[in-house]
Amino acid sequence: MTERERAIADIYKTVKDKYPNNLLYVMPDRFTKKLKSFMLIREDLFFISQIAEELISLRESPGSNYMTEFALWQSIIITYGKCFTENMAGMSKLEKSVFEPHDKKYQEIHDHLMDLRHSYIAHRGDTANEQAMVFIKVSKTGYMLDGDTENIIIARKLASPRVRDLKSLIALLNLLIKEVEVKIQKNGDKAHNAFLKNISPEQAKAYLVNDMKLDGY
């Protein structure tokens, strides 16, 4: 059993254990791909929000840790960018147009995060968030002799933004979660109706989870 198969089997087991007195049918991907996409995006947004809260707590504590803050901030940028970028599996993504009905400040925060994702995390760029400079150190004699010089490299990375910026990020995430939940409801209704309309009782037997044999369980 592959890791993917194991994950799917675990979901089947979880739902069977939770609803032992019901018949359960797994809906085919052709009905649920968009629904599953937005459900996963919602999980990512919840995850980012929790990380941002943890990062605020660290920034406000006297014993903050640079490496921990940097790792959490990178995780926020990477996961946020994933919600808005194309993927090989053809799953749905959020579009920038989601911000059009809302205050311009939300799109500005989004643009900043995506810029960080492209120029700071996913690709190397010349930005305020990541800088390195090289110096040549010469002894006070002033002679540029090979044995009397040395290269000095100083690098700086932004560990994480200010607390007030993180709080603005959380406000953005709350807005996006509400938008995604609307999409989940809409696509959930579509998937539900499509299954009932297109799958006959005889065909439905192939999707009955209760009868599925789960290897490893």
N, C-alpha and C. Protein backbone atom coordinates (compact mmCIF):
# COMPACT_ATOMS: atom_id res chain seq x y z
N MET A 1 0.84 -1.20 0.00
CA MET A 1 0.00 0.00 0.00
C MET A 1 0.87 1.25 0.00
N THR A 2 0.62 2.15 -0.97
CA THR A 2 1.39 3.39 -1.03
C THR A 2 0.91 4.34 0.08
N GLU A 3 1.69 5.43 0.29
CA GLU A 3 1.30 6.41 1.30
C GLU A 3 -0.04 7.06 0.94
N ARG A 4 -0.26 7.30 -0.36
CA ARG A 4 -1.53 7.89 -0.80
C ARG A 4 -2.68 6.93 -0.51
N GLU A 5 -2.49 5.65 -0.84
CA GLU A 5 -3.53 4.66 -0.58
C GLU A 5 -3.80 4.52 0.91
N ARG A 6 -2.74 4.61 1.71
CA ARG A 6 -2.91 4.51 3.15
C ARG A 6 -3.72 5.70 3.70
N ALA A 7 -3.45 6.89 3.15
CA ALA A 7 -4.19 8.08 3.59
C ALA A 7 -5.67 7.95 3.24
N ILE A 8 -5.96 7.45 2.03
CA ILE A 8 -7.35 7.28 1.61
C ILE A 8 -8.04 6.22 2.47
N ALA A 9 -7.34 5.12 2.72
CA ALA A 9 -7.91 4.06 3.57
C ALA A 9 -8.20 4.58 4.97
N ASP A 10 -7.33 5.44 5.46
CA ASP A 10 -7.53 6.00 6.79
C ASP A 10 -8.78 6.88 6.84
N ILE A 11 -9.02 7.62 5.76
CA ILE A 11 -10.23 8.45 5.68
C ILE A 11 -11.47 7.56 5.64
N TYR A 12 -11.41 6.51 4.84
CA TYR A 12 -12.55 5.57 4.79
C TYR A 12 -12.85 5.00 6.17
N LYS A 13 -11.80 4.60 6.86
CA LYS A 13 -12.00 4.01 8.20
C LYS A 13 -12.59 5.04 9.16
N THR A 14 -12.09 6.26 9.08
CA THR A 14 -12.59 7.31 9.97
C THR A 14 -14.08 7.55 9.77
N VAL A 15 -14.50 7.64 8.52
CA VAL A 15 -15.91 7.93 8.24
C VAL A 15 -16.80 6.74 8.59
N LYS A 16 -16.30 5.52 8.39
CA LYS A 16 -17.08 4.32 8.77
C LYS A 16 -17.25 4.23 10.28
N ASP A 17 -16.20 4.55 11.00
CA ASP A 17 -16.26 4.51 12.46
C ASP A 17 -17.19 5.59 13.01
N LYS A 18 -17.22 6.73 12.33
CA LYS A 18 -18.02 7.86 12.81
C LYS A 18 -19.51 7.65 12.55
N TYR A 19 -19.83 6.95 11.45
CA TYR A 19 -21.24 6.74 11.09
C TYR A 19 -21.52 5.25 10.91
N PRO A 20 -21.46 4.47 11.99
CA PRO A 20 -21.61 3.01 11.89
C PRO A 20 -23.01 2.56 11.49
N ASN A 21 -24.00 3.42 11.65
CA ASN A 21 -25.38 3.03 11.38
C ASN A 21 -25.92 3.57 10.05
N ASN A 22 -25.00 4.06 9.21
CA ASN A 22 -25.41 4.62 7.92
C ASN A 22 -24.70 3.93 6.77
N LEU A 23 -25.33 3.99 5.58
CA LEU A 23 -24.65 3.60 4.35
C LEU A 23 -23.89 4.82 3.84
N LEU A 24 -22.66 4.61 3.43
CA LEU A 24 -21.81 5.71 2.99
C LEU A 24 -21.29 5.45 1.58
N TYR A 25 -21.49 6.43 0.71
CA TYR A 25 -21.05 6.31 -0.68
C TYR A 25 -20.01 7.41 -0.94
N VAL A 26 -18.86 7.01 -1.48
CA VAL A 26 -17.84 8.01 -1.81
C VAL A 26 -18.17 8.57 -3.20
N MET A 27 -18.24 9.89 -3.30
CA MET A 27 -18.59 10.50 -4.58
C MET A 27 -17.36 10.55 -5.50
N PRO A 28 -17.54 10.24 -6.77
CA PRO A 28 -16.39 10.23 -7.70
C PRO A 28 -15.80 11.62 -7.90
N ASP A 29 -14.52 11.63 -8.28
CA ASP A 29 -13.78 12.89 -8.43
C ASP A 29 -14.43 13.85 -9.43
N ARG A 30 -15.07 13.31 -10.45
CA ARG A 30 -15.62 14.20 -11.47
C ARG A 30 -16.71 15.11 -10.91
N PHE A 31 -17.28 14.74 -9.77
CA PHE A 31 -18.28 15.58 -9.12
C PHE A 31 -17.69 16.44 -8.01
N THR A 32 -16.56 16.05 -7.49
CA THR A 32 -16.10 16.65 -6.22
C THR A 32 -14.75 17.36 -6.29
N LYS A 33 -14.12 17.44 -7.45
CA LYS A 33 -12.76 17.99 -7.50
C LYS A 33 -12.70 19.43 -6.99
N LYS A 34 -13.65 20.26 -7.42
CA LYS A 34 -13.66 21.65 -6.94
C LYS A 34 -13.96 21.71 -5.45
N LEU A 35 -14.92 20.91 -5.02
CA LEU A 35 -15.27 20.89 -3.60
C LEU A 35 -14.07 20.50 -2.75
N LYS A 36 -13.37 19.43 -3.14
CA LYS A 36 -12.20 18.99 -2.39
C LYS A 36 -11.10 20.05 -2.41
N SER A 37 -10.95 20.73 -3.55
CA SER A 37 -9.93 21.78 -3.66
C SER A 37 -10.16 22.86 -2.62
N PHE A 38 -11.40 23.35 -2.53
CA PHE A 38 -11.69 24.45 -1.62
C PHE A 38 -11.68 23.99 -0.17
N MET A 39 -12.01 22.73 0.08
CA MET A 39 -11.90 22.22 1.45
C MET A 39 -10.44 22.19 1.90
N LEU A 40 -9.54 21.79 0.99
CA LEU A 40 -8.11 21.77 1.32
C LEU A 40 -7.55 23.18 1.48
N ILE A 41 -8.04 24.10 0.64
CA ILE A 41 -7.62 25.50 0.78
C ILE A 41 -8.05 26.05 2.13
N ARG A 42 -9.28 25.73 2.55
CA ARG A 42 -9.74 26.18 3.86
C ARG A 42 -8.85 25.65 4.97
N GLU A 43 -8.44 24.37 4.86
CA GLU A 43 -7.54 23.81 5.87
C GLU A 43 -6.22 24.56 5.89
N ASP A 44 -5.70 24.92 4.72
CA ASP A 44 -4.45 25.68 4.64
C ASP A 44 -4.61 27.05 5.30
N LEU A 45 -5.73 27.71 5.06
CA LEU A 45 -5.96 29.04 5.64
C LEU A 45 -6.08 28.97 7.16
N PHE A 46 -6.77 27.94 7.66
CA PHE A 46 -6.83 27.74 9.11
C PHE A 46 -5.43 27.52 9.68
N PHE A 47 -4.64 26.72 8.98
CA PHE A 47 -3.27 26.41 9.41
C PHE A 47 -2.43 27.69 9.48
N ILE A 48 -2.52 28.52 8.44
CA ILE A 48 -1.75 29.77 8.41
C ILE A 48 -2.17 30.68 9.56
N SER A 49 -3.47 30.75 9.82
CA SER A 49 -3.97 31.59 10.90
C SER A 49 -3.41 31.16 12.25
N GLN A 50 -3.36 29.85 12.47
CA GLN A 50 -2.81 29.33 13.72
C GLN A 50 -1.33 29.65 13.84
N ILE A 51 -0.60 29.54 12.73
CA ILE A 51 0.83 29.86 12.75
C ILE A 51 1.04 31.35 13.05
N ALA A 52 0.21 32.19 12.43
CA ALA A 52 0.33 33.64 12.65
C ALA A 52 0.08 33.99 14.11
N GLU A 53 -0.90 33.34 14.72
CA GLU A 53 -1.16 33.55 16.15
C GLU A 53 0.04 33.13 16.99
N GLU A 54 0.64 32.00 16.63
CA GLU A 54 1.82 31.52 17.35
C GLU A 54 2.99 32.47 17.17
N LEU A 55 3.12 33.02 15.97
CA LEU A 55 4.21 33.95 15.69
C LEU A 55 4.02 35.25 16.48
N ILE A 56 2.80 35.72 16.59
CA ILE A 56 2.52 36.91 17.40
C ILE A 56 2.91 36.65 18.85
N SER A 57 2.54 35.48 19.35
CA SER A 57 2.88 35.12 20.73
C SER A 57 4.39 35.12 20.94
N LEU A 58 5.13 34.60 19.97
CA LEU A 58 6.59 34.59 20.06
C LEU A 58 7.16 35.99 20.04
N ARG A 59 6.64 36.83 19.12
CA ARG A 59 7.17 38.18 18.99
C ARG A 59 6.92 39.00 20.26
N GLU A 60 5.84 38.70 20.95
CA GLU A 60 5.49 39.47 22.15
C GLU A 60 6.12 38.90 23.42
N SER A 61 6.76 37.75 23.29
CA SER A 61 7.39 37.14 24.47
C SER A 61 8.84 37.61 24.60
N PRO A 62 9.38 37.65 25.81
CA PRO A 62 10.76 38.11 26.00
C PRO A 62 11.80 37.14 25.45
N GLY A 63 11.42 35.87 25.34
CA GLY A 63 12.39 34.87 24.88
C GLY A 63 12.17 34.42 23.45
N SER A 64 11.90 35.39 22.56
CA SER A 64 11.66 35.04 21.15
C SER A 64 12.91 34.42 20.54
N ASN A 65 12.69 33.55 19.55
CA ASN A 65 13.77 32.81 18.92
C ASN A 65 13.80 33.10 17.43
N TYR A 66 14.92 33.63 16.94
CA TYR A 66 15.02 34.04 15.54
C TYR A 66 14.73 32.88 14.59
N MET A 67 15.32 31.73 14.81
CA MET A 67 15.18 30.60 13.89
C MET A 67 13.74 30.10 13.86
N THR A 68 13.10 30.03 15.01
CA THR A 68 11.70 29.58 15.07
C THR A 68 10.80 30.57 14.34
N GLU A 69 11.01 31.87 14.59
CA GLU A 69 10.22 32.89 13.91
C GLU A 69 10.40 32.81 12.40
N PHE A 70 11.63 32.65 11.97
CA PHE A 70 11.91 32.59 10.53
C PHE A 70 11.24 31.38 9.90
N ALA A 71 11.31 30.22 10.57
CA ALA A 71 10.69 29.00 10.04
C ALA A 71 9.18 29.15 9.95
N LEU A 72 8.55 29.76 10.96
CA LEU A 72 7.11 29.95 10.94
C LEU A 72 6.70 30.93 9.85
N TRP A 73 7.47 32.00 9.68
CA TRP A 73 7.15 32.99 8.65
C TRP A 73 7.29 32.39 7.25
N GLN A 74 8.32 31.60 7.03
CA GLN A 74 8.46 30.92 5.74
C GLN A 74 7.28 29.99 5.48
N SER A 75 6.86 29.27 6.50
CA SER A 75 5.72 28.37 6.36
C SER A 75 4.46 29.12 5.98
N ILE A 76 4.25 30.29 6.57
CA ILE A 76 3.10 31.12 6.22
C ILE A 76 3.14 31.51 4.75
N ILE A 77 4.28 32.01 4.30
CA ILE A 77 4.39 32.48 2.92
C ILE A 77 4.20 31.34 1.92
N ILE A 78 4.82 30.21 2.18
CA ILE A 78 4.73 29.06 1.28
C ILE A 78 3.30 28.54 1.19
N THR A 79 2.67 28.36 2.35
CA THR A 79 1.32 27.80 2.37
C THR A 79 0.31 28.78 1.77
N TYR A 80 0.47 30.05 2.06
CA TYR A 80 -0.43 31.06 1.48
C TYR A 80 -0.33 31.06 -0.04
N GLY A 81 0.90 31.05 -0.55
CA GLY A 81 1.10 31.06 -1.99
C GLY A 81 0.48 29.86 -2.68
N LYS A 82 0.50 28.72 -1.99
CA LYS A 82 -0.07 27.48 -2.56
C LYS A 82 -1.55 27.63 -2.84
N CYS A 83 -2.25 28.46 -2.07
CA CYS A 83 -3.69 28.64 -2.24
C CYS A 83 -4.03 29.39 -3.52
N PHE A 84 -3.04 30.12 -4.08
CA PHE A 84 -3.29 30.98 -5.23
C PHE A 84 -2.52 30.57 -6.49
N THR A 85 -1.79 29.48 -6.45
CA THR A 85 -0.95 29.11 -7.59
C THR A 85 -1.43 27.83 -8.25
N GLU A 86 -1.09 27.70 -9.55
CA GLU A 86 -1.45 26.51 -10.32
C GLU A 86 -0.78 25.28 -9.72
N ASN A 87 -1.38 24.11 -9.96
CA ASN A 87 -0.80 22.87 -9.45
C ASN A 87 -0.93 21.78 -10.49
N MET A 88 -0.04 20.79 -10.41
CA MET A 88 0.02 19.72 -11.40
C MET A 88 -1.23 18.83 -11.38
N ALA A 89 -1.92 18.77 -10.23
CA ALA A 89 -3.09 17.89 -10.11
C ALA A 89 -4.35 18.50 -10.71
N GLY A 90 -4.28 19.76 -11.14
CA GLY A 90 -5.45 20.40 -11.73
C GLY A 90 -6.50 20.78 -10.72
N MET A 91 -6.11 20.91 -9.45
CA MET A 91 -7.05 21.31 -8.41
C MET A 91 -7.34 22.82 -8.53
N SER A 92 -8.51 23.22 -8.04
CA SER A 92 -8.89 24.64 -8.10
C SER A 92 -8.00 25.47 -7.18
N LYS A 93 -7.86 26.73 -7.51
CA LYS A 93 -7.10 27.67 -6.69
C LYS A 93 -7.93 28.93 -6.50
N LEU A 94 -7.53 29.73 -5.54
CA LEU A 94 -8.18 31.02 -5.35
C LEU A 94 -7.68 32.00 -6.41
N GLU A 95 -8.58 32.86 -6.87
CA GLU A 95 -8.23 33.88 -7.85
C GLU A 95 -8.12 35.24 -7.17
N LYS A 96 -7.30 36.09 -7.74
CA LYS A 96 -7.10 37.43 -7.18
C LYS A 96 -8.41 38.22 -7.15
N SER A 97 -9.34 37.87 -8.03
CA SER A 97 -10.61 38.58 -8.10
C SER A 97 -11.42 38.45 -6.82
N VAL A 98 -11.06 37.51 -5.96
CA VAL A 98 -11.77 37.33 -4.69
C VAL A 98 -11.74 38.60 -3.84
N PHE A 99 -10.75 39.47 -4.09
CA PHE A 99 -10.61 40.69 -3.29
C PHE A 99 -11.42 41.87 -3.83
N GLU A 100 -11.95 41.76 -5.03
CA GLU A 100 -12.59 42.91 -5.69
C GLU A 100 -13.73 43.54 -4.88
N PRO A 101 -14.59 42.75 -4.21
CA PRO A 101 -15.69 43.38 -3.46
C PRO A 101 -15.26 43.98 -2.12
N HIS A 102 -13.99 43.83 -1.76
CA HIS A 102 -13.56 44.18 -0.41
C HIS A 102 -12.60 45.38 -0.41
N ASP A 103 -12.29 45.85 0.77
CA ASP A 103 -11.38 46.97 0.94
C ASP A 103 -10.04 46.69 0.24
N LYS A 104 -9.51 47.73 -0.37
CA LYS A 104 -8.27 47.60 -1.14
C LYS A 104 -7.10 47.10 -0.30
N LYS A 105 -7.16 47.32 1.02
CA LYS A 105 -6.04 46.94 1.88
C LYS A 105 -5.79 45.43 1.84
N TYR A 106 -6.85 44.64 1.63
CA TYR A 106 -6.68 43.19 1.61
C TYR A 106 -5.88 42.74 0.39
N GLN A 107 -6.17 43.37 -0.75
CA GLN A 107 -5.40 43.02 -1.94
C GLN A 107 -3.95 43.46 -1.81
N GLU A 108 -3.72 44.57 -1.12
CA GLU A 108 -2.34 45.03 -0.92
C GLU A 108 -1.56 44.05 -0.05
N ILE A 109 -2.20 43.53 0.99
CA ILE A 109 -1.54 42.51 1.82
C ILE A 109 -1.27 41.26 0.99
N HIS A 110 -2.27 40.86 0.20
CA HIS A 110 -2.10 39.69 -0.66
C HIS A 110 -0.94 39.88 -1.63
N ASP A 111 -0.90 41.03 -2.30
CA ASP A 111 0.16 41.29 -3.28
C ASP A 111 1.53 41.22 -2.61
N HIS A 112 1.62 41.74 -1.41
CA HIS A 112 2.89 41.71 -0.68
C HIS A 112 3.30 40.27 -0.37
N LEU A 113 2.36 39.46 0.07
CA LEU A 113 2.67 38.06 0.40
C LEU A 113 3.09 37.29 -0.85
N MET A 114 2.40 37.52 -1.96
CA MET A 114 2.75 36.81 -3.19
C MET A 114 4.09 37.27 -3.73
N ASP A 115 4.40 38.56 -3.56
CA ASP A 115 5.70 39.06 -3.96
C ASP A 115 6.81 38.40 -3.14
N LEU A 116 6.55 38.26 -1.84
CA LEU A 116 7.52 37.56 -0.99
C LEU A 116 7.68 36.11 -1.44
N ARG A 117 6.58 35.48 -1.77
CA ARG A 117 6.62 34.07 -2.20
C ARG A 117 7.48 33.93 -3.46
N HIS A 118 7.31 34.85 -4.41
CA HIS A 118 8.01 34.73 -5.70
C HIS A 118 9.48 35.17 -5.61
N SER A 119 9.73 36.26 -4.87
CA SER A 119 11.08 36.84 -4.91
C SER A 119 11.93 36.49 -3.70
N TYR A 120 11.32 35.89 -2.69
CA TYR A 120 12.05 35.67 -1.44
C TYR A 120 12.12 34.19 -1.08
N ILE A 121 11.01 33.47 -1.27
CA ILE A 121 10.95 32.07 -0.87
C ILE A 121 11.16 31.14 -2.06
N ALA A 122 10.31 31.27 -3.08
CA ALA A 122 10.38 30.35 -4.22
C ALA A 122 11.59 30.63 -5.11
N HIS A 123 11.98 31.90 -5.20
CA HIS A 123 13.11 32.28 -6.08
C HIS A 123 14.00 33.28 -5.33
N ARG A 124 15.24 33.35 -5.74
CA ARG A 124 16.17 34.29 -5.14
C ARG A 124 15.96 35.66 -5.76
N GLY A 125 15.84 36.71 -4.93
CA GLY A 125 15.65 38.05 -5.46
C GLY A 125 16.42 39.09 -4.65
N ASP A 126 16.53 40.29 -5.21
CA ASP A 126 17.21 41.39 -4.52
C ASP A 126 16.15 42.21 -3.82
N THR A 127 15.84 41.85 -2.58
CA THR A 127 14.77 42.49 -1.84
C THR A 127 15.25 42.92 -0.46
N ALA A 128 14.41 43.70 0.22
CA ALA A 128 14.73 44.14 1.58
C ALA A 128 14.67 42.98 2.56
N ASN A 129 14.04 41.89 2.15
CA ASN A 129 13.86 40.75 3.06
C ASN A 129 15.07 39.81 3.09
N GLU A 130 15.92 39.94 2.10
CA GLU A 130 17.07 39.04 2.01
C GLU A 130 18.22 39.78 1.34
N GLN A 131 19.27 40.06 2.07
CA GLN A 131 20.40 40.81 1.53
C GLN A 131 21.72 40.20 1.98
N ALA A 132 22.70 40.28 1.11
CA ALA A 132 24.06 39.88 1.45
C ALA A 132 25.02 40.87 0.82
N MET A 133 26.08 41.23 1.54
CA MET A 133 27.10 42.12 1.02
C MET A 133 28.48 41.53 1.30
N VAL A 134 29.38 41.78 0.36
CA VAL A 134 30.74 41.24 0.48
C VAL A 134 31.72 42.41 0.63
N PHE A 135 32.60 42.30 1.60
CA PHE A 135 33.61 43.34 1.86
C PHE A 135 34.99 42.69 1.76
N ILE A 136 35.96 43.51 1.48
CA ILE A 136 37.34 43.04 1.55
C ILE A 136 38.00 43.76 2.72
N LYS A 137 38.52 42.99 3.62
CA LYS A 137 39.13 43.55 4.84
C LYS A 137 40.64 43.66 4.62
N VAL A 138 41.15 44.83 4.90
CA VAL A 138 42.59 45.09 4.71
C VAL A 138 43.14 45.59 6.05
N SER A 139 44.34 45.18 6.37
CA SER A 139 44.94 45.64 7.64
C SER A 139 45.19 47.15 7.56
N LYS A 140 45.37 47.76 8.70
CA LYS A 140 45.51 49.21 8.75
C LYS A 140 46.81 49.71 8.11
N THR A 141 47.67 48.80 7.68
CA THR A 141 48.86 49.23 6.94
C THR A 141 48.45 49.82 5.60
N GLY A 142 47.26 49.37 5.11
CA GLY A 142 46.76 49.91 3.84
C GLY A 142 47.30 49.20 2.63
N TYR A 143 48.19 48.22 2.81
CA TYR A 143 48.75 47.52 1.65
C TYR A 143 47.83 46.39 1.22
N MET A 144 47.48 46.36 -0.08
CA MET A 144 46.59 45.33 -0.62
C MET A 144 47.40 44.09 -0.98
N LEU A 145 48.06 43.52 -0.03
CA LEU A 145 48.83 42.31 -0.27
C LEU A 145 47.93 41.10 -0.05
N ASP A 146 48.15 40.03 -0.80
CA ASP A 146 47.28 38.86 -0.75
C ASP A 146 47.18 38.31 0.67
N GLY A 147 48.25 38.25 1.38
CA GLY A 147 48.23 37.70 2.73
C GLY A 147 47.70 38.66 3.76
N ASP A 148 47.44 39.89 3.33
CA ASP A 148 47.02 40.94 4.26
C ASP A 148 45.56 41.33 4.04
N THR A 149 44.81 40.53 3.25
CA THR A 149 43.41 40.83 2.95
C THR A 149 42.53 39.61 3.21
N GLU A 150 41.25 39.87 3.38
CA GLU A 150 40.31 38.78 3.65
C GLU A 150 38.91 39.22 3.22
N ASN A 151 38.15 38.31 2.60
CA ASN A 151 36.77 38.60 2.25
C ASN A 151 35.87 38.44 3.48
N ILE A 152 34.96 39.38 3.67
CA ILE A 152 33.98 39.32 4.76
C ILE A 152 32.59 39.36 4.13
N ILE A 153 31.76 38.39 4.46
CA ILE A 153 30.40 38.33 3.92
C ILE A 153 29.40 38.48 5.07
N ILE A 154 28.50 39.43 4.94
CA ILE A 154 27.46 39.67 5.93
C ILE A 154 26.10 39.49 5.25
N ALA A 155 25.26 38.63 5.80
CA ALA A 155 23.92 38.39 5.23
C ALA A 155 22.85 38.65 6.29
N ARG A 156 21.69 39.08 5.81
CA ARG A 156 20.56 39.34 6.69
C ARG A 156 19.28 38.81 6.04
N LYS A 157 18.44 38.14 6.84
CA LYS A 157 17.11 37.71 6.39
C LYS A 157 16.08 38.26 7.37
N LEU A 158 14.92 38.65 6.85
CA LEU A 158 13.85 39.12 7.71
C LEU A 158 13.22 37.93 8.42
N ALA A 159 13.27 37.91 9.74
CA ALA A 159 12.73 36.78 10.50
C ALA A 159 11.22 36.72 10.38
N SER A 160 10.55 37.82 10.62
CA SER A 160 9.10 37.87 10.50
C SER A 160 8.66 39.32 10.58
N PRO A 161 7.46 39.64 10.12
CA PRO A 161 7.01 41.03 10.15
C PRO A 161 6.61 41.49 11.55
N ARG A 162 6.21 42.74 11.64
CA ARG A 162 5.78 43.29 12.92
C ARG A 162 4.46 42.67 13.36
N VAL A 163 4.17 42.75 14.64
CA VAL A 163 2.95 42.17 15.19
C VAL A 163 1.72 42.77 14.52
N ARG A 164 1.71 44.07 14.31
CA ARG A 164 0.52 44.70 13.70
C ARG A 164 0.30 44.20 12.27
N ASP A 165 1.39 43.88 11.56
CA ASP A 165 1.25 43.33 10.21
C ASP A 165 0.71 41.90 10.26
N LEU A 166 1.12 41.14 11.27
CA LEU A 166 0.60 39.79 11.44
C LEU A 166 -0.89 39.81 11.77
N LYS A 167 -1.31 40.80 12.54
CA LYS A 167 -2.74 40.93 12.87
C LYS A 167 -3.54 41.30 11.61
N SER A 168 -2.96 42.11 10.74
CA SER A 168 -3.61 42.42 9.47
C SER A 168 -3.71 41.18 8.60
N LEU A 169 -2.68 40.34 8.65
CA LEU A 169 -2.71 39.08 7.91
C LEU A 169 -3.85 38.19 8.41
N ILE A 170 -4.03 38.12 9.71
CA ILE A 170 -5.10 37.29 10.27
C ILE A 170 -6.47 37.80 9.81
N ALA A 171 -6.63 39.11 9.73
CA ALA A 171 -7.88 39.68 9.22
C ALA A 171 -8.10 39.27 7.77
N LEU A 172 -7.04 39.27 6.98
CA LEU A 172 -7.13 38.82 5.58
C LEU A 172 -7.53 37.35 5.52
N LEU A 173 -6.93 36.53 6.35
CA LEU A 173 -7.23 35.10 6.37
C LEU A 173 -8.69 34.84 6.75
N ASN A 174 -9.20 35.60 7.72
CA ASN A 174 -10.60 35.45 8.13
C ASN A 174 -11.53 35.77 6.96
N LEU A 175 -11.19 36.81 6.20
CA LEU A 175 -11.98 37.16 5.02
C LEU A 175 -11.96 36.03 3.99
N LEU A 176 -10.77 35.49 3.72
CA LEU A 176 -10.64 34.42 2.74
C LEU A 176 -11.36 33.15 3.17
N ILE A 177 -11.30 32.84 4.46
CA ILE A 177 -12.00 31.65 4.97
C ILE A 177 -13.50 31.77 4.71
N LYS A 178 -14.07 32.96 4.93
CA LYS A 178 -15.50 33.17 4.67
C LYS A 178 -15.80 33.00 3.18
N GLU A 179 -14.94 33.53 2.32
CA GLU A 179 -15.15 33.40 0.88
C GLU A 179 -15.06 31.93 0.46
N VAL A 180 -14.12 31.20 1.01
CA VAL A 180 -13.94 29.79 0.66
C VAL A 180 -15.12 28.96 1.16
N GLU A 181 -15.64 29.30 2.31
CA GLU A 181 -16.79 28.55 2.83
C GLU A 181 -18.02 28.71 1.95
N VAL A 182 -18.18 29.87 1.33
CA VAL A 182 -19.25 30.07 0.36
C VAL A 182 -19.05 29.15 -0.85
N LYS A 183 -17.80 29.05 -1.32
CA LYS A 183 -17.49 28.18 -2.45
C LYS A 183 -17.70 26.71 -2.08
N ILE A 184 -17.36 26.34 -0.87
CA ILE A 184 -17.55 24.96 -0.41
C ILE A 184 -19.04 24.61 -0.41
N GLN A 185 -19.86 25.52 0.10
CA GLN A 185 -21.31 25.28 0.13
C GLN A 185 -21.86 25.14 -1.29
N LYS A 186 -21.46 26.05 -2.18
CA LYS A 186 -21.94 26.04 -3.56
C LYS A 186 -21.53 24.77 -4.28
N ASN A 187 -20.26 24.39 -4.17
CA ASN A 187 -19.78 23.21 -4.88
C ASN A 187 -20.24 21.92 -4.20
N GLY A 188 -20.49 21.97 -2.89
CA GLY A 188 -21.03 20.81 -2.20
C GLY A 188 -22.43 20.50 -2.67
N ASP A 189 -23.25 21.54 -2.85
CA ASP A 189 -24.61 21.34 -3.37
C ASP A 189 -24.57 20.77 -4.79
N LYS A 190 -23.65 21.29 -5.62
CA LYS A 190 -23.53 20.80 -6.99
C LYS A 190 -23.13 19.32 -7.02
N ALA A 191 -22.16 18.95 -6.19
CA ALA A 191 -21.69 17.56 -6.16
C ALA A 191 -22.80 16.63 -5.67
N HIS A 192 -23.52 17.05 -4.64
CA HIS A 192 -24.61 16.25 -4.08
C HIS A 192 -25.69 15.99 -5.14
N ASN A 193 -26.11 17.04 -5.81
CA ASN A 193 -27.15 16.91 -6.82
C ASN A 193 -26.68 16.11 -8.02
N ALA A 194 -25.41 16.28 -8.41
CA ALA A 194 -24.87 15.55 -9.56
C ALA A 194 -24.83 14.05 -9.29
N PHE A 195 -24.45 13.68 -8.07
CA PHE A 195 -24.39 12.25 -7.72
C PHE A 195 -25.79 11.63 -7.77
N LEU A 196 -26.77 12.30 -7.18
CA LEU A 196 -28.12 11.75 -7.15
C LEU A 196 -28.75 11.71 -8.55
N LYS A 197 -28.38 12.65 -9.39
CA LYS A 197 -28.96 12.72 -10.73
C LYS A 197 -28.32 11.74 -11.70
N ASN A 198 -27.01 11.52 -11.58
CA ASN A 198 -26.28 10.77 -12.60
C ASN A 198 -25.91 9.34 -12.21
N ILE A 199 -25.99 9.00 -10.95
CA ILE A 199 -25.60 7.67 -10.49
C ILE A 199 -26.86 6.88 -10.09
N SER A 200 -27.09 5.78 -10.79
CA SER A 200 -28.26 4.95 -10.50
C SER A 200 -28.00 4.14 -9.23
N PRO A 201 -29.06 3.63 -8.59
CA PRO A 201 -28.87 2.79 -7.40
C PRO A 201 -27.93 1.61 -7.66
N GLU A 202 -28.01 1.05 -8.85
CA GLU A 202 -27.13 -0.08 -9.19
C GLU A 202 -25.68 0.38 -9.29
N GLN A 203 -25.45 1.51 -9.94
CA GLN A 203 -24.09 2.05 -10.07
C GLN A 203 -23.53 2.46 -8.71
N ALA A 204 -24.40 2.92 -7.83
CA ALA A 204 -23.97 3.41 -6.52
C ALA A 204 -23.30 2.32 -5.69
N LYS A 205 -23.62 1.06 -5.97
CA LYS A 205 -23.03 -0.04 -5.21
C LYS A 205 -21.51 -0.04 -5.30
N ALA A 206 -20.99 0.44 -6.44
CA ALA A 206 -19.53 0.47 -6.63
C ALA A 206 -18.86 1.52 -5.74
N TYR A 207 -19.66 2.44 -5.22
CA TYR A 207 -19.12 3.52 -4.39
C TYR A 207 -19.45 3.34 -2.91
N LEU A 208 -19.99 2.18 -2.55
CA LEU A 208 -20.40 1.94 -1.17
C LEU A 208 -19.18 1.65 -0.30
N VAL A 209 -18.90 2.55 0.60
CA VAL A 209 -17.72 2.43 1.46
C VAL A 209 -17.86 1.26 2.43
N ASN A 210 -19.07 1.01 2.90
CA ASN A 210 -19.29 -0.04 3.89
C ASN A 210 -18.80 -1.41 3.43
N ASP A 211 -18.85 -1.65 2.11
CA ASP A 211 -18.44 -2.96 1.57
C ASP A 211 -16.99 -3.01 1.14
N MET A 212 -16.29 -1.89 1.24
CA MET A 212 -14.90 -1.86 0.75
C MET A 212 -13.97 -2.54 1.73
N LYS A 213 -13.07 -3.33 1.22
CA LYS A 213 -12.05 -4.00 2.02
C LYS A 213 -10.85 -3.09 2.09
N LEU A 214 -10.46 -2.69 3.27
CA LEU A 214 -9.35 -1.75 3.44
C LEU A 214 -8.12 -2.50 3.90
N ASP A 215 -7.15 -2.61 3.02
CA ASP A 215 -5.89 -3.31 3.36
C ASP A 215 -5.21 -2.60 4.53
N GLY A 216 -4.73 -3.38 5.47
CA GLY A 216 -4.02 -2.83 6.61
C GLY A 216 -4.90 -2.50 7.78
N TYR A 217 -6.23 -2.73 7.62
CA TYR A 217 -7.17 -2.44 8.71
C TYR A 217 -8.00 -3.70 8.99
